[in-house]
Amino acid sequence: MIKVSVMYPNKPGARFDHDYYRTKHLPLIKARMGAALKYYTIDKGLSDRDGRAPGAYVAMCHLLCDSLDEYQSSFGPHAHEIDGDIRNFTDVTPIIQISEVVVENSAKGETETLRRSLSPNMSDQVIP
């Protein structure tokens, strides 16, 4: 699985319409990419690691696809339209990184492991 991270650096006077980003831009991407886009997340920057506002990025989105080929073949034909929509919500130039997802949803696995370790005989018990 790959993740395409689109990060919008925070800078004084930056214009960013979070509502448009959430309700128009990302749904546009989803509509154009179709089933190749497994899911996406949107982050709204709050603070740095010490809790001081503003954060390094005003916003980010992460697009998750099964492979780089699937991403490129589904996004590529619509790149001009999608890139053209950026001016409708921001004047910030995004930084884009494509990564391989090494661990996905680690909390779910840890929760399951913890549950089993706390109740090792639960599967043997019959609940009336």
C-alpha atoms as a PDB file:
ATOM      1  CA  MET A   1       0.000   0.000   0.000  1.00  0.00           C
ATOM      2  CA  ILE A   2       1.198   3.535  -0.702  1.00  0.00           C
ATOM      3  CA  LYS A   3       0.280   6.865   0.850  1.00  0.00           C
ATOM      4  CA  VAL A   4       0.411  10.162  -0.978  1.00  0.00           C
ATOM      5  CA  SER A   5       0.801  12.961   1.570  1.00  0.00           C
ATOM      6  CA  VAL A   6      -0.090  16.464   0.410  1.00  0.00           C
ATOM      7  CA  MET A   7       1.116  18.986   2.998  1.00  0.00           C
ATOM      8  CA  TYR A   8       0.403  22.697   3.020  1.00  0.00           C
ATOM      9  CA  PRO A   9       3.088  24.592   4.980  1.00  0.00           C
ATOM     10  CA  ASN A  10       1.816  27.170   7.442  1.00  0.00           C
ATOM     11  CA  LYS A  11       3.097  30.695   6.895  1.00  0.00           C
ATOM     12  CA  PRO A  12       2.001  34.137   8.084  1.00  0.00           C
ATOM     13  CA  GLY A  13      -0.998  35.349   6.109  1.00  0.00           C
ATOM     14  CA  ALA A  14      -1.641  31.983   4.459  1.00  0.00           C
ATOM     15  CA  ARG A  15      -5.142  31.593   3.024  1.00  0.00           C
ATOM     16  CA  PHE A  16      -6.695  28.168   3.502  1.00  0.00           C
ATOM     17  CA  ASP A  17     -10.415  27.364   3.349  1.00  0.00           C
ATOM     18  CA  HIS A  18     -10.725  24.154   5.380  1.00  0.00           C
ATOM     19  CA  ASP A  19     -14.440  23.814   4.643  1.00  0.00           C
ATOM     20  CA  TYR A  20     -13.886  23.917   0.869  1.00  0.00           C
ATOM     21  CA  TYR A  21     -10.997  21.464   1.193  1.00  0.00           C
ATOM     22  CA  ARG A  22     -13.148  18.996   3.144  1.00  0.00           C
ATOM     23  CA  THR A  23     -16.434  19.358   1.244  1.00  0.00           C
ATOM     24  CA  LYS A  24     -15.284  20.021  -2.331  1.00  0.00           C
ATOM     25  CA  HIS A  25     -11.607  19.332  -3.060  1.00  0.00           C
ATOM     26  CA  LEU A  26     -11.180  15.907  -1.478  1.00  0.00           C
ATOM     27  CA  PRO A  27     -14.555  14.649  -2.776  1.00  0.00           C
ATOM     28  CA  LEU A  28     -13.393  15.793  -6.251  1.00  0.00           C
ATOM     29  CA  ILE A  29     -10.238  13.694  -5.872  1.00  0.00           C
ATOM     30  CA  LYS A  30     -12.258  10.691  -4.670  1.00  0.00           C
ATOM     31  CA  ALA A  31     -14.712  11.031  -7.578  1.00  0.00           C
ATOM     32  CA  ARG A  32     -11.909  11.195 -10.158  1.00  0.00           C
ATOM     33  CA  MET A  33      -9.755   8.411  -8.697  1.00  0.00           C
ATOM     34  CA  GLY A  34     -12.672   6.057  -8.056  1.00  0.00           C
ATOM     35  CA  ALA A  35     -11.953   2.651  -6.537  1.00  0.00           C
ATOM     36  CA  ALA A  36      -8.173   3.150  -6.816  1.00  0.00           C
ATOM     37  CA  LEU A  37      -8.394   5.529  -3.839  1.00  0.00           C
ATOM     38  CA  LYS A  38      -9.029   3.156  -0.950  1.00  0.00           C
ATOM     39  CA  TYR A  39      -9.524   5.985   1.529  1.00  0.00           C
ATOM     40  CA  TYR A  40      -8.224   9.389   2.491  1.00  0.00           C
ATOM     41  CA  THR A  41      -7.657  11.399   5.630  1.00  0.00           C
ATOM     42  CA  ILE A  42      -7.612  15.139   6.193  1.00  0.00           C
ATOM     43  CA  ASP A  43      -5.552  16.808   8.920  1.00  0.00           C
ATOM     44  CA  LYS A  44      -5.997  20.368  10.170  1.00  0.00           C
ATOM     45  CA  GLY A  45      -2.806  21.701  11.777  1.00  0.00           C
ATOM     46  CA  LEU A  46      -3.115  22.843  15.383  1.00  0.00           C
ATOM     47  CA  SER A  47       0.293  23.244  16.998  1.00  0.00           C
ATOM     48  CA  ASP A  48       3.912  22.154  17.131  1.00  0.00           C
ATOM     49  CA  ARG A  49       5.109  19.315  19.363  1.00  0.00           C
ATOM     50  CA  ASP A  50       5.271  21.649  22.351  1.00  0.00           C
ATOM     51  CA  GLY A  51       1.641  22.695  21.901  1.00  0.00           C
ATOM     52  CA  ARG A  52       2.460  26.106  20.451  1.00  0.00           C
ATOM     53  CA  ALA A  53       0.235  27.319  17.628  1.00  0.00           C
ATOM     54  CA  PRO A  54       0.443  27.375  14.717  1.00  0.00           C
ATOM     55  CA  GLY A  55       1.581  23.968  13.514  1.00  0.00           C
ATOM     56  CA  ALA A  56       4.161  23.546  10.763  1.00  0.00           C
ATOM     57  CA  TYR A  57       1.376  22.716   8.301  1.00  0.00           C
ATOM     58  CA  VAL A  58      -1.992  24.437   7.987  1.00  0.00           C
ATOM     59  CA  ALA A  59      -3.472  21.239   6.527  1.00  0.00           C
ATOM     60  CA  MET A  60      -2.602  17.857   5.045  1.00  0.00           C
ATOM     61  CA  CYS A  61      -4.349  15.073   3.260  1.00  0.00           C
ATOM     62  CA  HIS A  62      -3.250  11.502   2.811  1.00  0.00           C
ATOM     63  CA  LEU A  63      -4.443   9.394  -0.117  1.00  0.00           C
ATOM     64  CA  LEU A  64      -4.108   5.628   0.263  1.00  0.00           C
ATOM     65  CA  CYS A  65      -3.920   3.308  -2.727  1.00  0.00           C
ATOM     66  CA  ASP A  66      -2.863  -0.302  -3.223  1.00  0.00           C
ATOM     67  CA  SER A  67       0.098   0.605  -5.441  1.00  0.00           C
ATOM     68  CA  LEU A  68       1.971   3.469  -7.047  1.00  0.00           C
ATOM     69  CA  ASP A  69       0.738   2.311 -10.467  1.00  0.00           C
ATOM     70  CA  GLU A  70      -2.897   2.485  -9.309  1.00  0.00           C
ATOM     71  CA  TYR A  71      -2.345   5.972  -7.941  1.00  0.00           C
ATOM     72  CA  GLN A  72      -0.642   7.239 -11.076  1.00  0.00           C
ATOM     73  CA  SER A  73      -3.147   5.698 -13.486  1.00  0.00           C
ATOM     74  CA  SER A  74      -6.164   7.043 -11.563  1.00  0.00           C
ATOM     75  CA  PHE A  75      -4.835  10.473 -10.563  1.00  0.00           C
ATOM     76  CA  GLY A  76      -2.731  11.265 -13.631  1.00  0.00           C
ATOM     77  CA  PRO A  77      -5.555  11.757 -16.154  1.00  0.00           C
ATOM     78  CA  HIS A  78      -7.202  14.263 -13.765  1.00  0.00           C
ATOM     79  CA  ALA A  79      -4.086  15.991 -12.396  1.00  0.00           C
ATOM     80  CA  HIS A  80      -4.650  19.216 -14.327  1.00  0.00           C
ATOM     81  CA  GLU A  81      -8.253  19.552 -13.086  1.00  0.00           C
ATOM     82  CA  ILE A  82      -7.349  18.671  -9.488  1.00  0.00           C
ATOM     83  CA  ASP A  83      -4.309  20.969  -9.431  1.00  0.00           C
ATOM     84  CA  GLY A  84      -6.423  23.752 -10.930  1.00  0.00           C
ATOM     85  CA  ASP A  85      -8.852  23.488  -8.018  1.00  0.00           C
ATOM     86  CA  ILE A  86      -6.138  24.309  -5.456  1.00  0.00           C
ATOM     87  CA  ARG A  87      -6.490  28.064  -6.025  1.00  0.00           C
ATOM     88  CA  ASN A  88     -10.119  27.795  -4.873  1.00  0.00           C
ATOM     89  CA  PHE A  89      -9.074  27.063  -1.277  1.00  0.00           C
ATOM     90  CA  THR A  90      -5.476  28.223  -0.764  1.00  0.00           C
ATOM     91  CA  ASP A  91      -2.573  30.349  -1.910  1.00  0.00           C
ATOM     92  CA  VAL A  92      -0.051  27.887  -0.400  1.00  0.00           C
ATOM     93  CA  THR A  93       2.021  25.590  -2.622  1.00  0.00           C
ATOM     94  CA  PRO A  94       1.782  22.023  -1.297  1.00  0.00           C
ATOM     95  CA  ILE A  95       4.641  19.659  -0.579  1.00  0.00           C
ATOM     96  CA  ILE A  96       3.922  16.142  -1.859  1.00  0.00           C
ATOM     97  CA  GLN A  97       5.504  12.916  -0.668  1.00  0.00           C
ATOM     98  CA  ILE A  98       4.721   9.356  -1.708  1.00  0.00           C
ATOM     99  CA  SER A  99       5.483   6.694   0.902  1.00  0.00           C
ATOM    100  CA  GLU A 100       5.150   2.965   1.310  1.00  0.00           C
ATOM    101  CA  VAL A 101       2.820   2.160   4.208  1.00  0.00           C
ATOM    102  CA  VAL A 102       4.750  -0.189   6.477  1.00  0.00           C
ATOM    103  CA  VAL A 103       2.218  -0.407   9.344  1.00  0.00           C
ATOM    104  CA  GLU A 104      -1.456   0.402   8.967  1.00  0.00           C
ATOM    105  CA  ASN A 105      -3.840   0.742  11.913  1.00  0.00           C
ATOM    106  CA  SER A 106      -1.360  -0.402  14.542  1.00  0.00           C
ATOM    107  CA  ALA A 107      -3.769   0.584  17.328  1.00  0.00           C
ATOM    108  CA  LYS A 108      -6.312  -2.010  16.183  1.00  0.00           C
ATOM    109  CA  GLY A 109      -3.775  -4.815  16.371  1.00  0.00           C
ATOM    110  CA  GLU A 110      -2.469  -3.648  19.743  1.00  0.00           C
ATOM    111  CA  THR A 111      -6.001  -3.490  21.143  1.00  0.00           C
ATOM    112  CA  GLU A 112      -6.736  -7.045  19.970  1.00  0.00           C
ATOM    113  CA  THR A 113      -3.458  -8.334  21.424  1.00  0.00           C
ATOM    114  CA  LEU A 114      -4.121  -6.586  24.736  1.00  0.00           C
ATOM    115  CA  ARG A 115      -7.666  -7.967  24.918  1.00  0.00           C
ATOM    116  CA  ARG A 116      -6.421 -11.505  24.308  1.00  0.00           C
ATOM    117  CA  SER A 117      -3.602 -11.196  26.839  1.00  0.00           C
ATOM    118  CA  LEU A 118      -5.975  -9.949  29.542  1.00  0.00           C
ATOM    119  CA  SER A 119      -8.487 -12.746  28.892  1.00  0.00           C
ATOM    120  CA  PRO A 120      -6.518 -15.709  27.558  1.00  0.00           C
ATOM    121  CA  ASN A 121      -9.313 -18.207  28.269  1.00  0.00           C
ATOM    122  CA  MET A 122     -12.177 -16.100  26.920  1.00  0.00           C
ATOM    123  CA  SER A 123     -12.382 -18.162  23.750  1.00  0.00           C
ATOM    124  CA  ASP A 124     -12.807 -21.326  25.849  1.00  0.00           C
ATOM    125  CA  GLN A 125     -15.696 -19.925  27.888  1.00  0.00           C
ATOM    126  CA  VAL A 126     -19.314 -20.412  26.958  1.00  0.00           C
ATOM    127  CA  ILE A 127     -21.463 -17.412  27.712  1.00  0.00           C
ATOM    128  CA  PRO A 128     -25.070 -18.386  28.510  1.00  0.00           C
END
